[in-house]
C-alpha atoms as a PDB file:
ATOM      1  CA  MET A   1     -25.193  27.872 -36.020  1.00  0.00           C
ATOM      2  CA  GLU A   2     -27.942  30.486 -35.754  1.00  0.00           C
ATOM      3  CA  ALA A   3     -25.788  33.142 -37.431  1.00  0.00           C
ATOM      4  CA  PHE A   4     -24.965  30.737 -40.256  1.00  0.00           C
ATOM      5  CA  ARG A   5     -28.625  29.887 -40.761  1.00  0.00           C
ATOM      6  CA  LYS A   6     -29.682  33.545 -40.898  1.00  0.00           C
ATOM      7  CA  ASN A   7     -26.804  34.529 -43.197  1.00  0.00           C
ATOM      8  CA  LEU A   8     -27.535  31.625 -45.516  1.00  0.00           C
ATOM      9  CA  ILE A   9     -31.169  32.641 -45.933  1.00  0.00           C
ATOM     10  CA  GLU A  10     -30.311  36.317 -46.359  1.00  0.00           C
ATOM     11  CA  LEU A  11     -27.577  35.690 -48.926  1.00  0.00           C
ATOM     12  CA  ARG A  12     -29.741  33.273 -50.894  1.00  0.00           C
ATOM     13  CA  LYS A  13     -32.567  35.797 -51.100  1.00  0.00           C
ATOM     14  CA  LEU A  14     -30.244  38.706 -51.930  1.00  0.00           C
ATOM     15  CA  ASN A  15     -28.885  36.657 -54.827  1.00  0.00           C
ATOM     16  CA  HIS A  16     -32.390  35.706 -56.017  1.00  0.00           C
ATOM     17  CA  LEU A  17     -31.785  31.971 -55.668  1.00  0.00           C
ATOM     18  CA  THR A  18     -34.373  29.382 -54.696  1.00  0.00           C
ATOM     19  CA  GLN A  19     -33.728  26.594 -52.248  1.00  0.00           C
ATOM     20  CA  ARG A  20     -33.892  24.195 -55.188  1.00  0.00           C
ATOM     21  CA  GLN A  21     -31.233  26.153 -57.089  1.00  0.00           C
ATOM     22  CA  MET A  22     -28.949  26.146 -54.056  1.00  0.00           C
ATOM     23  CA  ALA A  23     -29.388  22.403 -53.606  1.00  0.00           C
ATOM     24  CA  GLU A  24     -28.559  21.860 -57.280  1.00  0.00           C
ATOM     25  CA  ARG A  25     -25.414  24.009 -57.046  1.00  0.00           C
ATOM     26  CA  LEU A  26     -24.300  22.039 -53.994  1.00  0.00           C
ATOM     27  CA  GLY A  27     -25.158  18.681 -55.543  1.00  0.00           C
ATOM     28  CA  ILE A  28     -27.499  17.716 -52.701  1.00  0.00           C
ATOM     29  CA  ALA A  29     -31.208  16.994 -52.376  1.00  0.00           C
ATOM     30  CA  GLN A  30     -33.478  19.971 -51.747  1.00  0.00           C
ATOM     31  CA  PRO A  31     -34.680  18.599 -48.368  1.00  0.00           C
ATOM     32  CA  SER A  32     -31.039  18.402 -47.245  1.00  0.00           C
ATOM     33  CA  TYR A  33     -30.501  22.045 -48.129  1.00  0.00           C
ATOM     34  CA  ILE A  34     -33.723  23.056 -46.374  1.00  0.00           C
ATOM     35  CA  ARG A  35     -32.385  21.431 -43.197  1.00  0.00           C
ATOM     36  CA  TYR A  36     -29.412  23.823 -43.356  1.00  0.00           C
ATOM     37  CA  GLU A  37     -31.773  26.799 -43.425  1.00  0.00           C
ATOM     38  CA  ASN A  38     -33.939  25.330 -40.659  1.00  0.00           C
ATOM     39  CA  GLY A  39     -30.914  24.716 -38.444  1.00  0.00           C
ATOM     40  CA  LYS A  40     -31.603  20.992 -38.318  1.00  0.00           C
ATOM     41  CA  ALA A  41     -28.358  20.029 -40.098  1.00  0.00           C
ATOM     42  CA  GLU A  42     -24.907  21.470 -40.651  1.00  0.00           C
ATOM     43  CA  PRO A  43     -23.185  21.384 -44.023  1.00  0.00           C
ATOM     44  CA  THR A  44     -20.079  19.330 -44.567  1.00  0.00           C
ATOM     45  CA  LEU A  45     -16.845  21.285 -44.804  1.00  0.00           C
ATOM     46  CA  GLU A  46     -16.916  20.743 -48.567  1.00  0.00           C
ATOM     47  CA  ASN A  47     -20.419  22.228 -48.835  1.00  0.00           C
ATOM     48  CA  LEU A  48     -19.553  25.074 -46.489  1.00  0.00           C
ATOM     49  CA  VAL A  49     -16.725  26.033 -48.847  1.00  0.00           C
ATOM     50  CA  LYS A  50     -19.071  25.738 -51.848  1.00  0.00           C
ATOM     51  CA  ILE A  51     -21.644  27.997 -50.183  1.00  0.00           C
ATOM     52  CA  ALA A  52     -19.000  30.608 -49.387  1.00  0.00           C
ATOM     53  CA  ASP A  53     -17.806  30.437 -53.006  1.00  0.00           C
ATOM     54  CA  ILE A  54     -21.329  30.774 -54.411  1.00  0.00           C
ATOM     55  CA  PHE A  55     -21.847  33.994 -52.471  1.00  0.00           C
ATOM     56  CA  ASP A  56     -18.225  35.166 -52.744  1.00  0.00           C
ATOM     57  CA  VAL A  57     -17.880  35.574 -48.977  1.00  0.00           C
ATOM     58  CA  SER A  58     -15.468  34.169 -46.423  1.00  0.00           C
ATOM     59  CA  ILE A  59     -16.439  31.175 -44.326  1.00  0.00           C
ATOM     60  CA  ASP A  60     -15.900  33.385 -41.254  1.00  0.00           C
ATOM     61  CA  SER A  61     -18.447  35.962 -42.401  1.00  0.00           C
ATOM     62  CA  LEU A  62     -20.858  33.218 -43.506  1.00  0.00           C
ATOM     63  CA  CYS A  63     -20.687  31.754 -39.998  1.00  0.00           C
ATOM     64  CA  GLY A  64     -21.141  35.135 -38.358  1.00  0.00           C
ATOM     65  CA  ARG A  65     -17.598  35.663 -37.112  1.00  0.00           C
ATOM     66  CA  LYS A  66     -16.432  39.248 -36.835  1.00  0.00           C
ATOM     67  CA  GLU A  67     -13.335  40.166 -38.779  1.00  0.00           C
ATOM     68  CA  TYR A  68     -10.593  41.754 -36.703  1.00  0.00           C
END
């Protein structure tokens, strides 16, 4: 979960998106999105897929898994 949290923050900043913009793209409340970045909540599978699509990355790389 720590790798996901760090990657999420890094990707959001690299793409010049605010937490509010991410929440809007995911269709969730901003406090819910902030909990993802704080590591206090995990996204649903549906939102995990949406996040990967927003940043055009694989779910594996988003979650910090090494590609073999």
